[in-house]
Amino acid sequence: MSPWPTEKHFASWLALCPGVNKTGGRSQSKNARTRPSSNRAATALRMAAFALLRSDCALGPMHGVCVPIQDRPKAITATAHKLAIIIYNMLKYGKIYVDRGAEYYDQQYRATILKNLKRRAQKLGYDLVQSGEPQAADETVSRDR
């Protein structure tokens, strides 16, 4: 792994990074595409990412979260990029990958959504209050006056 100083260089070599089409700090294309590549390792990582689509590991829900935001090929490339970073760290530094499962990722994602929702509500002058009974939406918005 010595040819690549960081995991970003490794992912770029695999052509799993979006292209940088910027000038003056603004993106020139709406869809920053990855470079085409005939790298067999990148193809294998994309196939592995596609197989994670319905798995019960932490990377499966990550793929599911990316799909509504992006289209499926971009989500597969994002998951393959994550796999490349994991593999780089395992091979270069001997780190052990510990899969915490889909529930852990869902909890982390829910906490992030809740934190952002609270921040946005405070910015608009609202307070979030958790209701006593469990529902699909655990928080209600009340006006702070």
N, C-alpha and C. Protein backbone atom coordinates (compact mmCIF):
# COMPACT_ATOMS: atom_id res chain seq x y z
N MET A 1 0.82 -1.20 0.00
CA MET A 1 0.00 0.00 0.00
C MET A 1 0.86 1.27 0.00
N SER A 2 2.18 1.10 -0.13
CA SER A 2 3.06 2.26 -0.09
C SER A 2 2.91 3.22 -1.27
N PRO A 3 2.43 2.81 -2.45
CA PRO A 3 2.29 3.80 -3.52
C PRO A 3 1.26 4.89 -3.23
N TRP A 4 0.35 4.63 -2.28
CA TRP A 4 -0.71 5.59 -1.98
C TRP A 4 -0.53 6.13 -0.57
N PRO A 5 -0.22 7.41 -0.41
CA PRO A 5 0.02 7.97 0.92
C PRO A 5 -1.22 7.98 1.81
N THR A 6 -2.41 8.16 1.22
CA THR A 6 -3.63 8.20 2.02
C THR A 6 -4.71 7.36 1.35
N GLU A 7 -5.78 7.13 2.09
CA GLU A 7 -6.90 6.37 1.52
C GLU A 7 -7.59 7.15 0.40
N LYS A 8 -7.48 8.47 0.42
CA LYS A 8 -8.05 9.28 -0.65
C LYS A 8 -7.31 9.05 -1.97
N HIS A 9 -5.99 8.92 -1.89
CA HIS A 9 -5.22 8.62 -3.09
C HIS A 9 -5.59 7.24 -3.63
N PHE A 10 -5.77 6.28 -2.73
CA PHE A 10 -6.13 4.92 -3.13
C PHE A 10 -7.49 4.91 -3.82
N ALA A 11 -8.48 5.60 -3.24
CA ALA A 11 -9.81 5.65 -3.83
C ALA A 11 -9.78 6.38 -5.17
N SER A 12 -8.96 7.39 -5.29
CA SER A 12 -8.83 8.10 -6.56
C SER A 12 -8.19 7.21 -7.62
N TRP A 13 -7.19 6.42 -7.23
CA TRP A 13 -6.57 5.49 -8.17
C TRP A 13 -7.57 4.45 -8.66
N LEU A 14 -8.48 4.05 -7.79
CA LEU A 14 -9.52 3.11 -8.18
C LEU A 14 -10.63 3.77 -8.99
N ALA A 15 -10.60 5.09 -9.14
CA ALA A 15 -11.61 5.87 -9.85
C ALA A 15 -12.96 5.74 -9.15
N LEU A 16 -12.96 5.80 -7.83
CA LEU A 16 -14.19 5.74 -7.03
C LEU A 16 -14.52 7.08 -6.41
N CYS A 17 -13.84 8.14 -6.86
CA CYS A 17 -14.09 9.49 -6.35
C CYS A 17 -14.78 10.31 -7.42
N PRO A 18 -15.69 11.21 -7.01
CA PRO A 18 -16.31 12.06 -8.02
C PRO A 18 -15.30 13.02 -8.61
N GLY A 19 -15.52 13.38 -9.84
CA GLY A 19 -14.62 14.32 -10.51
C GLY A 19 -14.77 15.71 -9.93
N VAL A 20 -13.71 16.47 -9.99
CA VAL A 20 -13.73 17.83 -9.49
C VAL A 20 -13.78 18.75 -10.70
N ASN A 21 -14.96 19.20 -11.02
CA ASN A 21 -15.14 20.13 -12.13
C ASN A 21 -15.52 21.48 -11.55
N LYS A 22 -14.56 22.14 -10.93
CA LYS A 22 -14.82 23.42 -10.27
C LYS A 22 -13.95 24.50 -10.89
N THR A 23 -14.51 25.68 -10.92
CA THR A 23 -13.75 26.86 -11.26
C THR A 23 -14.32 28.01 -10.46
N GLY A 24 -13.49 28.73 -9.79
CA GLY A 24 -13.95 29.82 -8.94
C GLY A 24 -14.76 29.36 -7.76
N GLY A 25 -14.55 28.12 -7.30
CA GLY A 25 -15.28 27.60 -6.15
C GLY A 25 -16.67 27.08 -6.47
N ARG A 26 -17.07 27.10 -7.75
CA ARG A 26 -18.40 26.63 -8.12
C ARG A 26 -18.27 25.40 -9.01
N SER A 27 -19.18 24.46 -8.80
CA SER A 27 -19.19 23.25 -9.61
C SER A 27 -19.72 23.56 -11.00
N GLN A 28 -19.06 23.06 -12.01
CA GLN A 28 -19.45 23.33 -13.38
C GLN A 28 -20.47 22.33 -13.92
N SER A 29 -20.55 21.16 -13.34
CA SER A 29 -21.54 20.19 -13.79
C SER A 29 -22.41 19.80 -12.62
N LYS A 30 -23.67 19.59 -12.87
CA LYS A 30 -24.58 19.22 -11.79
C LYS A 30 -24.30 17.82 -11.30
N ASN A 31 -23.87 16.95 -12.19
CA ASN A 31 -23.57 15.58 -11.80
C ASN A 31 -22.07 15.36 -11.90
N ALA A 32 -21.40 15.46 -10.78
CA ALA A 32 -19.96 15.21 -10.77
C ALA A 32 -19.78 13.70 -10.94
N ARG A 33 -19.25 13.31 -12.06
CA ARG A 33 -19.15 11.89 -12.39
C ARG A 33 -17.78 11.35 -12.04
N THR A 34 -17.73 10.05 -11.83
CA THR A 34 -16.45 9.40 -11.62
C THR A 34 -15.83 9.13 -12.98
N ARG A 35 -14.52 9.01 -12.97
CA ARG A 35 -13.82 8.72 -14.21
C ARG A 35 -14.12 7.29 -14.64
N PRO A 36 -14.21 7.03 -15.92
CA PRO A 36 -14.33 5.64 -16.36
C PRO A 36 -13.03 4.89 -16.07
N SER A 37 -13.16 3.64 -15.71
CA SER A 37 -11.97 2.88 -15.33
C SER A 37 -12.15 1.42 -15.73
N SER A 38 -11.05 0.81 -16.11
CA SER A 38 -11.07 -0.63 -16.39
C SER A 38 -10.34 -1.39 -15.28
N ASN A 39 -10.20 -0.75 -14.12
CA ASN A 39 -9.52 -1.34 -12.99
C ASN A 39 -10.37 -2.49 -12.43
N ARG A 40 -9.79 -3.68 -12.36
CA ARG A 40 -10.54 -4.85 -11.89
C ARG A 40 -10.87 -4.75 -10.41
N ALA A 41 -10.03 -4.12 -9.64
CA ALA A 41 -10.31 -3.97 -8.21
C ALA A 41 -11.52 -3.06 -8.00
N ALA A 42 -11.63 -2.00 -8.78
CA ALA A 42 -12.79 -1.11 -8.68
C ALA A 42 -14.05 -1.84 -9.09
N THR A 43 -13.97 -2.67 -10.12
CA THR A 43 -15.13 -3.45 -10.54
C THR A 43 -15.55 -4.42 -9.45
N ALA A 44 -14.57 -5.05 -8.81
CA ALA A 44 -14.89 -5.99 -7.72
C ALA A 44 -15.52 -5.27 -6.54
N LEU A 45 -15.02 -4.07 -6.22
CA LEU A 45 -15.60 -3.31 -5.11
C LEU A 45 -17.02 -2.85 -5.43
N ARG A 46 -17.28 -2.49 -6.69
CA ARG A 46 -18.64 -2.11 -7.08
C ARG A 46 -19.58 -3.31 -6.99
N MET A 47 -19.10 -4.49 -7.38
CA MET A 47 -19.92 -5.70 -7.28
C MET A 47 -20.20 -6.04 -5.82
N ALA A 48 -19.21 -5.87 -4.98
CA ALA A 48 -19.41 -6.12 -3.54
C ALA A 48 -20.39 -5.11 -2.95
N ALA A 49 -20.30 -3.87 -3.40
CA ALA A 49 -21.22 -2.83 -2.91
C ALA A 49 -22.65 -3.14 -3.35
N PHE A 50 -22.81 -3.65 -4.57
CA PHE A 50 -24.14 -4.02 -5.03
C PHE A 50 -24.70 -5.18 -4.21
N ALA A 51 -23.82 -6.10 -3.81
CA ALA A 51 -24.25 -7.24 -2.98
C ALA A 51 -24.67 -6.79 -1.58
N LEU A 52 -24.15 -5.66 -1.12
CA LEU A 52 -24.50 -5.14 0.20
C LEU A 52 -25.86 -4.45 0.23
N LEU A 53 -26.50 -4.37 -0.92
CA LEU A 53 -27.76 -3.64 -1.03
C LEU A 53 -28.78 -4.06 0.02
N ARG A 54 -28.93 -5.35 0.25
CA ARG A 54 -29.94 -5.83 1.19
C ARG A 54 -29.31 -6.60 2.35
N SER A 55 -28.07 -6.35 2.64
CA SER A 55 -27.41 -7.08 3.72
C SER A 55 -27.77 -6.46 5.08
N ASP A 56 -27.45 -7.19 6.13
CA ASP A 56 -27.77 -6.74 7.48
C ASP A 56 -26.52 -6.23 8.19
N CYS A 57 -25.58 -5.68 7.44
CA CYS A 57 -24.39 -5.10 8.06
C CYS A 57 -24.53 -3.58 8.04
N ALA A 58 -23.57 -2.89 8.59
CA ALA A 58 -23.66 -1.43 8.71
C ALA A 58 -23.62 -0.73 7.36
N LEU A 59 -23.01 -1.34 6.35
CA LEU A 59 -22.91 -0.70 5.05
C LEU A 59 -24.19 -0.84 4.22
N GLY A 60 -25.04 -1.79 4.55
CA GLY A 60 -26.30 -1.98 3.83
C GLY A 60 -27.24 -0.79 3.99
N PRO A 61 -27.54 -0.36 5.22
CA PRO A 61 -28.39 0.81 5.38
C PRO A 61 -27.77 2.09 4.82
N MET A 62 -26.43 2.19 4.83
CA MET A 62 -25.80 3.37 4.25
C MET A 62 -26.14 3.47 2.77
N HIS A 63 -26.13 2.33 2.09
CA HIS A 63 -26.50 2.30 0.68
C HIS A 63 -27.96 2.70 0.52
N GLY A 64 -28.82 2.24 1.41
CA GLY A 64 -30.24 2.58 1.35
C GLY A 64 -30.50 4.04 1.59
N VAL A 65 -29.67 4.68 2.40
CA VAL A 65 -29.83 6.11 2.67
C VAL A 65 -29.38 6.92 1.45
N CYS A 66 -28.36 6.45 0.74
CA CYS A 66 -27.86 7.17 -0.42
C CYS A 66 -28.82 7.12 -1.60
N VAL A 67 -29.59 6.04 -1.74
CA VAL A 67 -30.42 5.87 -2.93
C VAL A 67 -31.47 6.96 -3.08
N PRO A 68 -32.21 7.38 -2.01
CA PRO A 68 -33.18 8.45 -2.24
C PRO A 68 -32.52 9.78 -2.63
N ILE A 69 -31.32 10.00 -2.17
CA ILE A 69 -30.62 11.25 -2.47
C ILE A 69 -30.02 11.20 -3.88
N GLN A 70 -29.40 10.10 -4.21
CA GLN A 70 -28.73 9.94 -5.49
C GLN A 70 -29.41 8.80 -6.24
N ASP A 71 -29.02 8.59 -7.46
CA ASP A 71 -29.52 7.42 -8.15
C ASP A 71 -28.69 6.21 -7.75
N ARG A 72 -29.15 5.04 -8.12
CA ARG A 72 -28.52 3.80 -7.65
C ARG A 72 -27.05 3.66 -8.04
N PRO A 73 -26.62 3.94 -9.27
CA PRO A 73 -25.19 3.80 -9.57
C PRO A 73 -24.30 4.69 -8.71
N LYS A 74 -24.76 5.89 -8.39
CA LYS A 74 -23.95 6.77 -7.53
C LYS A 74 -23.89 6.20 -6.12
N ALA A 75 -24.98 5.62 -5.65
CA ALA A 75 -24.98 5.03 -4.31
C ALA A 75 -24.06 3.82 -4.26
N ILE A 76 -24.04 3.03 -5.32
CA ILE A 76 -23.14 1.88 -5.37
C ILE A 76 -21.70 2.35 -5.37
N THR A 77 -21.39 3.40 -6.11
CA THR A 77 -20.03 3.93 -6.14
C THR A 77 -19.65 4.49 -4.77
N ALA A 78 -20.59 5.15 -4.09
CA ALA A 78 -20.31 5.67 -2.75
C ALA A 78 -20.02 4.54 -1.77
N THR A 79 -20.77 3.45 -1.88
CA THR A 79 -20.54 2.30 -1.00
C THR A 79 -19.21 1.63 -1.34
N ALA A 80 -18.88 1.54 -2.63
CA ALA A 80 -17.60 0.97 -3.04
C ALA A 80 -16.44 1.83 -2.55
N HIS A 81 -16.63 3.15 -2.54
CA HIS A 81 -15.62 4.07 -2.01
C HIS A 81 -15.40 3.79 -0.52
N LYS A 82 -16.48 3.59 0.22
CA LYS A 82 -16.38 3.28 1.65
C LYS A 82 -15.64 1.96 1.85
N LEU A 83 -15.94 0.95 1.03
CA LEU A 83 -15.24 -0.33 1.10
C LEU A 83 -13.76 -0.17 0.81
N ALA A 84 -13.41 0.67 -0.16
CA ALA A 84 -12.01 0.90 -0.50
C ALA A 84 -11.26 1.51 0.67
N ILE A 85 -11.89 2.44 1.38
CA ILE A 85 -11.26 3.05 2.54
C ILE A 85 -11.05 2.02 3.64
N ILE A 86 -12.04 1.15 3.86
CA ILE A 86 -11.92 0.10 4.87
C ILE A 86 -10.77 -0.84 4.51
N ILE A 87 -10.70 -1.25 3.25
CA ILE A 87 -9.64 -2.17 2.81
C ILE A 87 -8.27 -1.52 2.94
N TYR A 88 -8.16 -0.26 2.57
CA TYR A 88 -6.88 0.45 2.68
C TYR A 88 -6.40 0.47 4.13
N ASN A 89 -7.30 0.81 5.05
CA ASN A 89 -6.92 0.86 6.47
C ASN A 89 -6.58 -0.51 7.02
N MET A 90 -7.24 -1.54 6.53
CA MET A 90 -6.92 -2.89 6.99
C MET A 90 -5.55 -3.32 6.50
N LEU A 91 -5.24 -3.04 5.24
CA LEU A 91 -3.97 -3.49 4.67
C LEU A 91 -2.78 -2.64 5.12
N LYS A 92 -2.96 -1.35 5.19
CA LYS A 92 -1.82 -0.49 5.52
C LYS A 92 -1.54 -0.43 7.01
N TYR A 93 -2.57 -0.28 7.82
CA TYR A 93 -2.38 -0.08 9.26
C TYR A 93 -2.73 -1.30 10.09
N GLY A 94 -3.25 -2.35 9.49
CA GLY A 94 -3.63 -3.55 10.23
C GLY A 94 -4.85 -3.37 11.10
N LYS A 95 -5.67 -2.38 10.79
CA LYS A 95 -6.89 -2.15 11.57
C LYS A 95 -7.88 -3.27 11.30
N ILE A 96 -8.60 -3.63 12.34
CA ILE A 96 -9.61 -4.67 12.22
C ILE A 96 -10.96 -4.00 12.00
N TYR A 97 -11.69 -4.48 11.00
CA TYR A 97 -13.02 -3.93 10.73
C TYR A 97 -14.02 -4.63 11.65
N VAL A 98 -14.73 -3.84 12.42
CA VAL A 98 -15.76 -4.36 13.31
C VAL A 98 -17.11 -3.88 12.78
N ASP A 99 -17.91 -4.83 12.34
CA ASP A 99 -19.24 -4.48 11.83
C ASP A 99 -20.19 -4.36 13.01
N ARG A 100 -20.73 -3.19 13.20
CA ARG A 100 -21.61 -2.96 14.34
C ARG A 100 -23.06 -3.27 14.02
N GLY A 101 -23.36 -3.58 12.79
CA GLY A 101 -24.70 -3.99 12.41
C GLY A 101 -25.56 -2.84 11.94
N ALA A 102 -26.68 -3.21 11.35
CA ALA A 102 -27.59 -2.23 10.77
C ALA A 102 -28.26 -1.38 11.84
N GLU A 103 -28.53 -1.97 13.01
CA GLU A 103 -29.20 -1.22 14.08
C GLU A 103 -28.34 -0.05 14.56
N TYR A 104 -27.05 -0.28 14.69
CA TYR A 104 -26.14 0.77 15.13
C TYR A 104 -26.14 1.92 14.11
N TYR A 105 -26.06 1.58 12.83
CA TYR A 105 -26.06 2.61 11.81
C TYR A 105 -27.39 3.37 11.81
N ASP A 106 -28.50 2.65 11.99
CA ASP A 106 -29.81 3.31 12.04
C ASP A 106 -29.91 4.27 13.22
N GLN A 107 -29.35 3.86 14.38
CA GLN A 107 -29.35 4.75 15.55
C GLN A 107 -28.52 6.00 15.29
N GLN A 108 -27.36 5.82 14.68
CA GLN A 108 -26.50 6.96 14.37
C GLN A 108 -27.19 7.90 13.38
N TYR A 109 -27.82 7.33 12.37
CA TYR A 109 -28.52 8.13 11.37
C TYR A 109 -29.68 8.88 11.99
N ARG A 110 -30.43 8.21 12.88
CA ARG A 110 -31.57 8.84 13.55
C ARG A 110 -31.10 9.98 14.45
N ALA A 111 -29.98 9.77 15.17
CA ALA A 111 -29.45 10.82 16.04
C ALA A 111 -29.01 12.04 15.22
N THR A 112 -28.41 11.80 14.06
CA THR A 112 -27.99 12.90 13.20
C THR A 112 -29.19 13.67 12.68
N ILE A 113 -30.22 12.95 12.25
CA ILE A 113 -31.44 13.61 11.75
C ILE A 113 -32.07 14.44 12.86
N LEU A 114 -32.15 13.88 14.08
CA LEU A 114 -32.75 14.58 15.21
C LEU A 114 -31.97 15.83 15.58
N LYS A 115 -30.64 15.73 15.57
CA LYS A 115 -29.80 16.88 15.88
C LYS A 115 -30.00 18.00 14.87
N ASN A 116 -30.04 17.64 13.58
CA ASN A 116 -30.25 18.64 12.54
C ASN A 116 -31.65 19.25 12.63
N LEU A 117 -32.64 18.43 12.97
CA LEU A 117 -34.00 18.93 13.10
C LEU A 117 -34.11 19.92 14.27
N LYS A 118 -33.47 19.60 15.39
CA LYS A 118 -33.48 20.51 16.54
C LYS A 118 -32.79 21.83 16.20
N ARG A 119 -31.68 21.75 15.49
CA ARG A 119 -30.95 22.95 15.11
C ARG A 119 -31.79 23.82 14.18
N ARG A 120 -32.46 23.21 13.22
CA ARG A 120 -33.29 23.98 12.30
C ARG A 120 -34.50 24.58 13.01
N ALA A 121 -35.08 23.85 13.96
CA ALA A 121 -36.23 24.37 14.69
C ALA A 121 -35.82 25.56 15.55
N GLN A 122 -34.68 25.48 16.22
CA GLN A 122 -34.21 26.59 17.03
C GLN A 122 -33.91 27.81 16.17
N LYS A 123 -33.42 27.59 14.97
CA LYS A 123 -33.13 28.69 14.06
C LYS A 123 -34.42 29.43 13.66
N LEU A 124 -35.53 28.68 13.60
CA LEU A 124 -36.82 29.27 13.24
C LEU A 124 -37.60 29.75 14.46
N GLY A 125 -37.06 29.55 15.66
CA GLY A 125 -37.72 30.01 16.87
C GLY A 125 -38.67 28.99 17.49
N TYR A 126 -38.49 27.72 17.20
CA TYR A 126 -39.34 26.67 17.74
C TYR A 126 -38.54 25.80 18.69
N ASP A 127 -39.26 25.09 19.59
CA ASP A 127 -38.65 24.09 20.45
C ASP A 127 -39.26 22.74 20.12
N LEU A 128 -38.45 21.71 20.11
CA LEU A 128 -38.95 20.36 19.92
C LEU A 128 -39.21 19.74 21.29
N VAL A 129 -40.40 19.16 21.45
CA VAL A 129 -40.77 18.52 22.71
C VAL A 129 -41.14 17.09 22.40
N GLN A 130 -40.54 16.15 23.11
CA GLN A 130 -40.82 14.75 22.89
C GLN A 130 -42.16 14.39 23.53
N SER A 131 -43.01 13.73 22.78
CA SER A 131 -44.32 13.35 23.31
C SER A 131 -44.18 12.13 24.22
N GLY A 132 -45.16 11.91 25.08
CA GLY A 132 -45.11 10.80 26.03
C GLY A 132 -45.32 9.45 25.38
N GLU A 133 -46.23 9.35 24.41
CA GLU A 133 -46.51 8.08 23.77
C GLU A 133 -45.62 7.90 22.54
N PRO A 134 -45.11 6.69 22.34
CA PRO A 134 -44.26 6.46 21.17
C PRO A 134 -45.10 6.46 19.90
N GLN A 135 -44.64 7.21 18.92
CA GLN A 135 -45.31 7.29 17.63
C GLN A 135 -44.26 7.15 16.54
N ALA A 136 -44.71 7.24 15.29
CA ALA A 136 -43.76 7.22 14.19
C ALA A 136 -42.88 8.46 14.26
N ALA A 137 -43.47 9.59 14.58
CA ALA A 137 -42.70 10.82 14.79
C ALA A 137 -42.70 11.08 16.29
N ASP A 138 -41.54 10.96 16.93
CA ASP A 138 -41.45 11.08 18.39
C ASP A 138 -41.48 12.51 18.89
N GLU A 139 -41.22 13.47 18.01
CA GLU A 139 -41.14 14.84 18.44
C GLU A 139 -42.28 15.65 17.86
N THR A 140 -42.76 16.59 18.63
CA THR A 140 -43.75 17.54 18.13
C THR A 140 -43.15 18.93 18.20
N VAL A 141 -43.62 19.81 17.37
CA VAL A 141 -43.10 21.17 17.33
C VAL A 141 -44.07 22.07 18.03
N SER A 142 -43.58 22.85 19.00
CA SER A 142 -44.41 23.82 19.69
C SER A 142 -43.76 25.19 19.58
N ARG A 143 -44.57 26.22 19.51
CA ARG A 143 -44.07 27.59 19.34
C ARG A 143 -43.53 28.10 20.66
N ASP A 144 -42.32 28.63 20.66
CA ASP A 144 -41.71 29.19 21.86
C ASP A 144 -42.02 30.68 21.90
N ARG A 145 -42.86 31.10 22.85
CA ARG A 145 -43.22 32.53 22.97
C ARG A 145 -42.95 33.01 24.34
